Amino acid sequence: NKLQRHYQAVADLGCIVCRNQGIHSIPQIHHPYGRTKKHVMKVLGLCPSHHASGLKNDYVVSVHPWKREFERRYGSQDELLNQVDRLLEAE
């Protein structure tokens, strides 16, 4: 279905943060605005380290639970979503 195809296309991009650092990694699907019907298509691919590992060090920070620091280092989730959308449109 359309949702599964979209999630697969996002996953195929890899972790958007790692991608921006020139690294390819296998992502998990992250829902910045929750899994509500209104926002179900707004997803990022984030590797486990950038998603929910709880890490916060000089090398990596995960969005869960460090959202503010994650966005300071890597850009807002809106900016990352826009980047993902542009990459998907280019394919």
PDB file of N, CA and C in Angstrom:
ATOM      1  N   ASN A   1       0.835  -1.195   0.000  1.00  0.00           N
ATOM      2  CA  ASN A   1       0.000   0.000   0.000  1.00  0.00           C
ATOM      3  C   ASN A   1       0.874   1.251   0.000  1.00  0.00           C
ATOM      4  N   LYS A   2       0.249   2.394  -0.121  1.00  0.00           N
ATOM      5  CA  LYS A   2       0.962   3.667  -0.258  1.00  0.00           C
ATOM      6  C   LYS A   2       1.844   3.968   0.953  1.00  0.00           C
ATOM      7  N   LEU A   3       1.331   3.732   2.151  1.00  0.00           N
ATOM      8  CA  LEU A   3       2.100   4.008   3.364  1.00  0.00           C
ATOM      9  C   LEU A   3       3.346   3.131   3.442  1.00  0.00           C
ATOM     10  N   GLN A   4       3.208   1.854   3.168  1.00  0.00           N
ATOM     11  CA  GLN A   4       4.352   0.941   3.214  1.00  0.00           C
ATOM     12  C   GLN A   4       5.398   1.318   2.167  1.00  0.00           C
ATOM     13  N   ARG A   5       4.946   1.704   0.970  1.00  0.00           N
ATOM     14  CA  ARG A   5       5.889   2.128  -0.080  1.00  0.00           C
ATOM     15  C   ARG A   5       6.636   3.387   0.343  1.00  0.00           C
ATOM     16  N   HIS A   6       5.935   4.311   0.978  1.00  0.00           N
ATOM     17  CA  HIS A   6       6.581   5.544   1.442  1.00  0.00           C
ATOM     18  C   HIS A   6       7.618   5.235   2.518  1.00  0.00           C
ATOM     19  N   TYR A   7       7.257   4.426   3.494  1.00  0.00           N
ATOM     20  CA  TYR A   7       8.198   4.058   4.556  1.00  0.00           C
ATOM     21  C   TYR A   7       9.418   3.349   3.972  1.00  0.00           C
ATOM     22  N   GLN A   8       9.216   2.484   2.993  1.00  0.00           N
ATOM     23  CA  GLN A   8      10.343   1.785   2.377  1.00  0.00           C
ATOM     24  C   GLN A   8      11.237   2.762   1.625  1.00  0.00           C
ATOM     25  N   ALA A   9      10.647   3.720   0.918  1.00  0.00           N
ATOM     26  CA  ALA A   9      11.433   4.720   0.196  1.00  0.00           C
ATOM     27  C   ALA A   9      12.265   5.554   1.167  1.00  0.00           C
ATOM     28  N   VAL A  10      11.674   5.926   2.302  1.00  0.00           N
ATOM     29  CA  VAL A  10      12.410   6.683   3.328  1.00  0.00           C
ATOM     30  C   VAL A  10      13.535   5.819   3.896  1.00  0.00           C
ATOM     31  N   ALA A  11      13.242   4.583   4.197  1.00  0.00           N
ATOM     32  CA  ALA A  11      14.260   3.669   4.735  1.00  0.00           C
ATOM     33  C   ALA A  11      15.388   3.471   3.738  1.00  0.00           C
ATOM     34  N   ASP A  12      15.064   3.400   2.448  1.00  0.00           N
ATOM     35  CA  ASP A  12      16.091   3.208   1.419  1.00  0.00           C
ATOM     36  C   ASP A  12      17.086   4.362   1.366  1.00  0.00           C
ATOM     37  N   LEU A  13      16.682   5.544   1.832  1.00  0.00           N
ATOM     38  CA  LEU A  13      17.602   6.688   1.892  1.00  0.00           C
ATOM     39  C   LEU A  13      18.650   6.505   2.991  1.00  0.00           C
ATOM     40  N   GLY A  14      18.365   5.647   3.959  1.00  0.00           N
ATOM     41  CA  GLY A  14      19.241   5.482   5.118  1.00  0.00           C
ATOM     42  C   GLY A  14      18.927   6.534   6.162  1.00  0.00           C
ATOM     43  N   CYS A  15      19.703   6.540   7.200  1.00  0.00           N
ATOM     44  CA  CYS A  15      19.566   7.560   8.253  1.00  0.00           C
ATOM     45  C   CYS A  15      19.916   8.911   7.643  1.00  0.00           C
ATOM     46  N   ILE A  16      19.019   9.867   7.751  1.00  0.00           N
ATOM     47  CA  ILE A  16      19.244  11.172   7.128  1.00  0.00           C
ATOM     48  C   ILE A  16      20.419  11.904   7.769  1.00  0.00           C
ATOM     49  N   VAL A  17      20.631  11.721   9.060  1.00  0.00           N
ATOM     50  CA  VAL A  17      21.770  12.368   9.728  1.00  0.00           C
ATOM     51  C   VAL A  17      23.075  11.744   9.251  1.00  0.00           C
ATOM     52  N   CYS A  18      23.138  10.422   9.237  1.00  0.00           N
ATOM     53  CA  CYS A  18      24.347   9.744   8.750  1.00  0.00           C
ATOM     54  C   CYS A  18      24.603  10.108   7.290  1.00  0.00           C
ATOM     55  N   ARG A  19      23.542  10.135   6.491  1.00  0.00           N
ATOM     56  CA  ARG A  19      23.669  10.492   5.070  1.00  0.00           C
ATOM     57  C   ARG A  19      24.325  11.857   4.924  1.00  0.00           C
ATOM     58  N   ASN A  20      23.909  12.808   5.763  1.00  0.00           N
ATOM     59  CA  ASN A  20      24.482  14.149   5.713  1.00  0.00           C
ATOM     60  C   ASN A  20      25.944  14.162   6.137  1.00  0.00           C
ATOM     61  N   GLN A  21      26.383  13.114   6.809  1.00  0.00           N
ATOM     62  CA  GLN A  21      27.776  12.982   7.238  1.00  0.00           C
ATOM     63  C   GLN A  21      28.566  12.059   6.298  1.00  0.00           C
ATOM     64  N   GLY A  22      27.943  11.655   5.190  1.00  0.00           N
ATOM     65  CA  GLY A  22      28.615  10.818   4.216  1.00  0.00           C
ATOM     66  C   GLY A  22      28.672   9.341   4.576  1.00  0.00           C
ATOM     67  N   ILE A  23      27.800   8.920   5.473  1.00  0.00           N
ATOM     68  CA  ILE A  23      27.774   7.536   5.945  1.00  0.00           C
ATOM     69  C   ILE A  23      26.424   6.933   5.559  1.00  0.00           C
ATOM     70  N   HIS A  24      26.426   5.666   5.142  1.00  0.00           N
ATOM     71  CA  HIS A  24      25.144   4.991   4.908  1.00  0.00           C
ATOM     72  C   HIS A  24      24.889   4.034   6.064  1.00  0.00           C
ATOM     73  N   SER A  25      23.702   4.110   6.625  1.00  0.00           N
ATOM     74  CA  SER A  25      23.335   3.204   7.716  1.00  0.00           C
ATOM     75  C   SER A  25      21.892   2.773   7.532  1.00  0.00           C
ATOM     76  N   ILE A  26      21.551   1.684   8.162  1.00  0.00           N
ATOM     77  CA  ILE A  26      20.196   1.145   8.068  1.00  0.00           C
ATOM     78  C   ILE A  26      19.335   1.816   9.139  1.00  0.00           C
ATOM     79  N   PRO A  27      18.273   2.484   8.709  1.00  0.00           N
ATOM     80  CA  PRO A  27      17.480   3.272   9.657  1.00  0.00           C
ATOM     81  C   PRO A  27      16.288   2.537  10.237  1.00  0.00           C
ATOM     82  N   GLN A  28      15.771   3.158  11.266  1.00  0.00           N
ATOM     83  CA  GLN A  28      14.453   2.876  11.807  1.00  0.00           C
ATOM     84  C   GLN A  28      13.566   4.038  11.360  1.00  0.00           C
ATOM     85  N   ILE A  29      12.277   3.833  11.306  1.00  0.00           N
ATOM     86  CA  ILE A  29      11.360   4.915  10.944  1.00  0.00           C
ATOM     87  C   ILE A  29      11.016   5.705  12.211  1.00  0.00           C
ATOM     88  N   HIS A  30      11.230   7.013  12.136  1.00  0.00           N
ATOM     89  CA  HIS A  30      10.962   7.923  13.247  1.00  0.00           C
ATOM     90  C   HIS A  30       9.787   8.818  12.865  1.00  0.00           C
ATOM     91  N   HIS A  31       8.819   8.929  13.758  1.00  0.00           N
ATOM     92  CA  HIS A  31       7.631   9.773  13.568  1.00  0.00           C
ATOM     93  C   HIS A  31       7.771  11.023  14.432  1.00  0.00           C
ATOM     94  N   PRO A  32       8.305  12.126  13.895  1.00  0.00           N
ATOM     95  CA  PRO A  32       8.508  13.332  14.711  1.00  0.00           C
ATOM     96  C   PRO A  32       7.238  13.887  15.332  1.00  0.00           C
ATOM     97  N   TYR A  33       6.094  13.668  14.691  1.00  0.00           N
ATOM     98  CA  TYR A  33       4.835  14.234  15.174  1.00  0.00           C
ATOM     99  C   TYR A  33       3.874  13.167  15.660  1.00  0.00           C
ATOM    100  N   GLY A  34       4.384  11.982  15.923  1.00  0.00           N
ATOM    101  CA  GLY A  34       3.540  10.896  16.391  1.00  0.00           C
ATOM    102  C   GLY A  34       2.947  10.122  15.221  1.00  0.00           C
ATOM    103  N   ARG A  35       2.243   9.081  15.553  1.00  0.00           N
ATOM    104  CA  ARG A  35       1.686   8.190  14.531  1.00  0.00           C
ATOM    105  C   ARG A  35       0.215   8.472  14.269  1.00  0.00           C
ATOM    106  N   THR A  36      -0.175   9.704  14.450  1.00  0.00           N
ATOM    107  CA  THR A  36      -1.567  10.065  14.199  1.00  0.00           C
ATOM    108  C   THR A  36      -1.843  10.032  12.701  1.00  0.00           C
ATOM    109  N   LYS A  37      -3.086   9.848  12.343  1.00  0.00           N
ATOM    110  CA  LYS A  37      -3.475   9.784  10.930  1.00  0.00           C
ATOM    111  C   LYS A  37      -3.011  11.025  10.172  1.00  0.00           C
ATOM    112  N   LYS A  38      -3.090  12.162  10.803  1.00  0.00           N
ATOM    113  CA  LYS A  38      -2.708  13.432  10.170  1.00  0.00           C
ATOM    114  C   LYS A  38      -1.223  13.469   9.815  1.00  0.00           C
ATOM    115  N   HIS A  39      -0.377  12.815  10.612  1.00  0.00           N
ATOM    116  CA  HIS A  39       1.071  12.920  10.437  1.00  0.00           C
ATOM    117  C   HIS A  39       1.748  11.609  10.059  1.00  0.00           C
ATOM    118  N   VAL A  40       0.994  10.597   9.707  1.00  0.00           N
ATOM    119  CA  VAL A  40       1.556   9.264   9.504  1.00  0.00           C
ATOM    120  C   VAL A  40       2.581   9.216   8.362  1.00  0.00           C
ATOM    121  N   MET A  41       2.492  10.118   7.395  1.00  0.00           N
ATOM    122  CA  MET A  41       3.443  10.136   6.277  1.00  0.00           C
ATOM    123  C   MET A  41       4.682  10.981   6.574  1.00  0.00           C
ATOM    124  N   LYS A  42       4.668  11.728   7.664  1.00  0.00           N
ATOM    125  CA  LYS A  42       5.805  12.575   8.016  1.00  0.00           C
ATOM    126  C   LYS A  42       6.780  11.762   8.859  1.00  0.00           C
ATOM    127  N   VAL A  43       7.735  11.138   8.177  1.00  0.00           N
ATOM    128  CA  VAL A  43       8.674  10.251   8.861  1.00  0.00           C
ATOM    129  C   VAL A  43      10.100  10.516   8.386  1.00  0.00           C
ATOM    130  N   LEU A  44      11.024  10.222   9.283  1.00  0.00           N
ATOM    131  CA  LEU A  44      12.455  10.276   8.991  1.00  0.00           C
ATOM    132  C   LEU A  44      13.047   8.892   9.156  1.00  0.00           C
ATOM    133  N   GLY A  45      14.064   8.603   8.395  1.00  0.00           N
ATOM    134  CA  GLY A  45      14.870   7.429   8.654  1.00  0.00           C
ATOM    135  C   GLY A  45      16.007   7.828   9.571  1.00  0.00           C
ATOM    136  N   LEU A  46      16.094   7.208  10.722  1.00  0.00           N
ATOM    137  CA  LEU A  46      17.178   7.467  11.663  1.00  0.00           C
ATOM    138  C   LEU A  46      17.759   6.125  12.111  1.00  0.00           C
ATOM    139  N   CYS A  47      19.083   6.019  12.109  1.00  0.00           N
ATOM    140  CA  CYS A  47      19.728   4.801  12.599  1.00  0.00           C
ATOM    141  C   CYS A  47      19.467   4.676  14.103  1.00  0.00           C
ATOM    142  N   PRO A  48      19.681   3.504  14.672  1.00  0.00           N
ATOM    143  CA  PRO A  48      19.435   3.338  16.110  1.00  0.00           C
ATOM    144  C   PRO A  48      20.178   4.356  16.981  1.00  0.00           C
ATOM    145  N   SER A  49      21.399   4.712  16.610  1.00  0.00           N
ATOM    146  CA  SER A  49      22.161   5.677  17.416  1.00  0.00           C
ATOM    147  C   SER A  49      21.518   7.058  17.416  1.00  0.00           C
ATOM    148  N   HIS A  50      21.009   7.497  16.261  1.00  0.00           N
ATOM    149  CA  HIS A  50      20.381   8.814  16.176  1.00  0.00           C
ATOM    150  C   HIS A  50      18.903   8.791  16.562  1.00  0.00           C
ATOM    151  N   HIS A  51      18.328   7.609  16.674  1.00  0.00           N
ATOM    152  CA  HIS A  51      16.907   7.521  16.970  1.00  0.00           C
ATOM    153  C   HIS A  51      16.643   7.407  18.472  1.00  0.00           C
ATOM    154  N   ALA A  52      16.822   6.249  19.041  1.00  0.00           N
ATOM    155  CA  ALA A  52      16.349   6.032  20.412  1.00  0.00           C
ATOM    156  C   ALA A  52      17.364   5.334  21.301  1.00  0.00           C
ATOM    157  N   SER A  53      18.636   5.492  21.001  1.00  0.00           N
ATOM    158  CA  SER A  53      19.671   4.828  21.808  1.00  0.00           C
ATOM    159  C   SER A  53      19.884   5.502  23.157  1.00  0.00           C
ATOM    160  N   GLY A  54      19.473   6.762  23.257  1.00  0.00           N
ATOM    161  CA  GLY A  54      19.709   7.517  24.486  1.00  0.00           C
ATOM    162  C   GLY A  54      21.102   8.103  24.561  1.00  0.00           C
ATOM    163  N   LEU A  55      21.880   7.959  23.473  1.00  0.00           N
ATOM    164  CA  LEU A  55      23.260   8.463  23.478  1.00  0.00           C
ATOM    165  C   LEU A  55      23.315   9.975  23.381  1.00  0.00           C
ATOM    166  N   LYS A  56      24.279  10.531  24.069  1.00  0.00           N
ATOM    167  CA  LYS A  56      24.589  11.956  23.949  1.00  0.00           C
ATOM    168  C   LYS A  56      26.055  12.097  24.318  1.00  0.00           C
ATOM    169  N   ASN A  57      26.901  12.202  23.285  1.00  0.00           N
ATOM    170  CA  ASN A  57      28.329  12.371  23.510  1.00  0.00           C
ATOM    171  C   ASN A  57      28.894  13.249  22.395  1.00  0.00           C
ATOM    172  N   ASP A  58      30.206  13.328  22.294  1.00  0.00           N
ATOM    173  CA  ASP A  58      30.822  14.185  21.283  1.00  0.00           C
ATOM    174  C   ASP A  58      30.562  13.705  19.863  1.00  0.00           C
ATOM    175  N   TYR A  59      30.202  12.442  19.684  1.00  0.00           N
ATOM    176  CA  TYR A  59      30.082  11.848  18.364  1.00  0.00           C
ATOM    177  C   TYR A  59      28.656  11.713  17.863  1.00  0.00           C
ATOM    178  N   VAL A  60      27.739  11.493  18.764  1.00  0.00           N
ATOM    179  CA  VAL A  60      26.358  11.223  18.364  1.00  0.00           C
ATOM    180  C   VAL A  60      25.400  11.641  19.478  1.00  0.00           C
ATOM    181  N   VAL A  61      24.209  12.045  19.055  1.00  0.00           N
ATOM    182  CA  VAL A  61      23.130  12.291  20.016  1.00  0.00           C
ATOM    183  C   VAL A  61      21.848  11.739  19.411  1.00  0.00           C
ATOM    184  N   SER A  62      21.060  11.068  20.230  1.00  0.00           N
ATOM    185  CA  SER A  62      19.800  10.512  19.732  1.00  0.00           C
ATOM    186  C   SER A  62      18.649  11.483  20.011  1.00  0.00           C
ATOM    187  N   VAL A  63      17.674  11.450  19.129  1.00  0.00           N
ATOM    188  CA  VAL A  63      16.522  12.338  19.263  1.00  0.00           C
ATOM    189  C   VAL A  63      15.700  12.000  20.503  1.00  0.00           C
ATOM    190  N   HIS A  64      15.693  10.719  20.878  1.00  0.00           N
ATOM    191  CA  HIS A  64      15.031  10.301  22.122  1.00  0.00           C
ATOM    192  C   HIS A  64      16.101   9.955  23.139  1.00  0.00           C
ATOM    193  N   PRO A  65      16.286  10.648  24.186  1.00  0.00           N
ATOM    194  CA  PRO A  65      15.449  11.698  24.760  1.00  0.00           C
ATOM    195  C   PRO A  65      16.016  13.107  24.572  1.00  0.00           C
ATOM    196  N   TRP A  66      16.956  13.298  23.679  1.00  0.00           N
ATOM    197  CA  TRP A  66      17.704  14.554  23.583  1.00  0.00           C
ATOM    198  C   TRP A  66      17.275  15.421  22.395  1.00  0.00           C
ATOM    199  N   LYS A  67      15.990  15.631  22.207  1.00  0.00           N
ATOM    200  CA  LYS A  67      15.469  16.344  21.037  1.00  0.00           C
ATOM    201  C   LYS A  67      16.132  17.713  20.833  1.00  0.00           C
ATOM    202  N   ARG A  68      16.230  18.494  21.858  1.00  0.00           N
ATOM    203  CA  ARG A  68      16.790  19.852  21.711  1.00  0.00           C
ATOM    204  C   ARG A  68      18.237  19.793  21.223  1.00  0.00           C
ATOM    205  N   GLU A  69      19.055  18.929  21.823  1.00  0.00           N
ATOM    206  CA  GLU A  69      20.451  18.795  21.408  1.00  0.00           C
ATOM    207  C   GLU A  69      20.557  18.178  20.017  1.00  0.00           C
ATOM    208  N   PHE A  70      19.702  17.210  19.716  1.00  0.00           N
ATOM    209  CA  PHE A  70      19.662  16.606  18.383  1.00  0.00           C
ATOM    210  C   PHE A  70      19.438  17.686  17.326  1.00  0.00           C
ATOM    211  N   GLU A  71      18.448  18.531  17.542  1.00  0.00           N
ATOM    212  CA  GLU A  71      18.135  19.574  16.566  1.00  0.00           C
ATOM    213  C   GLU A  71      19.219  20.641  16.508  1.00  0.00           C
ATOM    214  N   ARG A  72      19.860  20.920  17.624  1.00  0.00           N
ATOM    215  CA  ARG A  72      20.964  21.888  17.612  1.00  0.00           C
ATOM    216  C   ARG A  72      22.099  21.380  16.725  1.00  0.00           C
ATOM    217  N   ARG A  73      22.389  20.108  16.815  1.00  0.00           N
ATOM    218  CA  ARG A  73      23.507  19.538  16.051  1.00  0.00           C
ATOM    219  C   ARG A  73      23.170  19.261  14.590  1.00  0.00           C
ATOM    220  N   TYR A  74      21.974  18.770  14.346  1.00  0.00           N
ATOM    221  CA  TYR A  74      21.676  18.219  13.023  1.00  0.00           C
ATOM    222  C   TYR A  74      20.627  18.993  12.237  1.00  0.00           C
ATOM    223  N   GLY A  75      20.000  19.981  12.843  1.00  0.00           N
ATOM    224  CA  GLY A  75      18.925  20.721  12.199  1.00  0.00           C
ATOM    225  C   GLY A  75      17.588  20.295  12.765  1.00  0.00           C
ATOM    226  N   SER A  76      16.594  21.121  12.552  1.00  0.00           N
ATOM    227  CA  SER A  76      15.264  20.810  13.078  1.00  0.00           C
ATOM    228  C   SER A  76      14.699  19.597  12.349  1.00  0.00           C
ATOM    229  N   GLN A  77      13.772  18.942  12.986  1.00  0.00           N
ATOM    230  CA  GLN A  77      13.130  17.804  12.349  1.00  0.00           C
ATOM    231  C   GLN A  77      12.346  18.243  11.120  1.00  0.00           C
ATOM    232  N   ASP A  78      11.803  19.458  11.121  1.00  0.00           N
ATOM    233  CA  ASP A  78      11.137  19.987   9.928  1.00  0.00           C
ATOM    234  C   ASP A  78      12.129  20.118   8.775  1.00  0.00           C
ATOM    235  N   GLU A  79      13.329  20.635   9.066  1.00  0.00           N
ATOM    236  CA  GLU A  79      14.356  20.751   8.017  1.00  0.00           C
ATOM    237  C   GLU A  79      14.743  19.377   7.477  1.00  0.00           C
ATOM    238  N   LEU A  80      14.897  18.413   8.377  1.00  0.00           N
ATOM    239  CA  LEU A  80      15.252  17.063   7.942  1.00  0.00           C
ATOM    240  C   LEU A  80      14.121  16.422   7.140  1.00  0.00           C
ATOM    241  N   LEU A  81      12.872  16.645   7.551  1.00  0.00           N
ATOM    242  CA  LEU A  81      11.726  16.143   6.784  1.00  0.00           C
ATOM    243  C   LEU A  81      11.696  16.754   5.388  1.00  0.00           C
ATOM    244  N   ASN A  82      11.954  18.050   5.293  1.00  0.00           N
ATOM    245  CA  ASN A  82      11.988  18.713   3.986  1.00  0.00           C
ATOM    246  C   ASN A  82      13.098  18.134   3.114  1.00  0.00           C
ATOM    247  N   GLN A  83      14.243  17.846   3.711  1.00  0.00           N
ATOM    248  CA  GLN A  83      15.335  17.243   2.965  1.00  0.00           C
ATOM    249  C   GLN A  83      14.937  15.858   2.451  1.00  0.00           C
ATOM    250  N   VAL A  84      14.324  15.051   3.295  1.00  0.00           N
ATOM    251  CA  VAL A  84      13.861  13.729   2.877  1.00  0.00           C
ATOM    252  C   VAL A  84      12.871  13.863   1.716  1.00  0.00           C
ATOM    253  N   ASP A  85      11.934  14.772   1.830  1.00  0.00           N
ATOM    254  CA  ASP A  85      10.951  14.973   0.752  1.00  0.00           C
ATOM    255  C   ASP A  85      11.632  15.351  -0.556  1.00  0.00           C
ATOM    256  N   ARG A  86      12.616  16.252  -0.498  1.00  0.00           N
ATOM    257  CA  ARG A  86      13.347  16.651  -1.710  1.00  0.00           C
ATOM    258  C   ARG A  86      14.096  15.467  -2.325  1.00  0.00           C
ATOM    259  N   LEU A  87      14.723  14.660  -1.478  1.00  0.00           N
ATOM    260  CA  LEU A  87      15.447  13.483  -1.984  1.00  0.00           C
ATOM    261  C   LEU A  87      14.503  12.491  -2.636  1.00  0.00           C
ATOM    262  N   LEU A  88      13.331  12.299  -2.039  1.00  0.00           N
ATOM    263  CA  LEU A  88      12.353  11.373  -2.607  1.00  0.00           C
ATOM    264  C   LEU A  88      11.815  11.890  -3.949  1.00  0.00           C
ATOM    265  N   GLU A  89      11.611  13.194  -4.046  1.00  0.00           N
ATOM    266  CA  GLU A  89      11.126  13.787  -5.290  1.00  0.00           C
ATOM    267  C   GLU A  89      12.153  13.655  -6.403  1.00  0.00           C
ATOM    268  N   ALA A  90      13.434  13.698  -6.041  1.00  0.00           N
ATOM    269  CA  ALA A  90      14.513  13.625  -7.035  1.00  0.00           C
ATOM    270  C   ALA A  90      14.695  12.216  -7.596  1.00  0.00           C
ATOM    271  N   GLU A  91      14.165  11.226  -6.916  1.00  0.00           N
ATOM    272  CA  GLU A  91      14.354   9.841  -7.374  1.00  0.00           C
ATOM    273  C   GLU A  91      13.372   9.469  -8.451  1.00  0.00           C
TER     274      GLU A  91
END
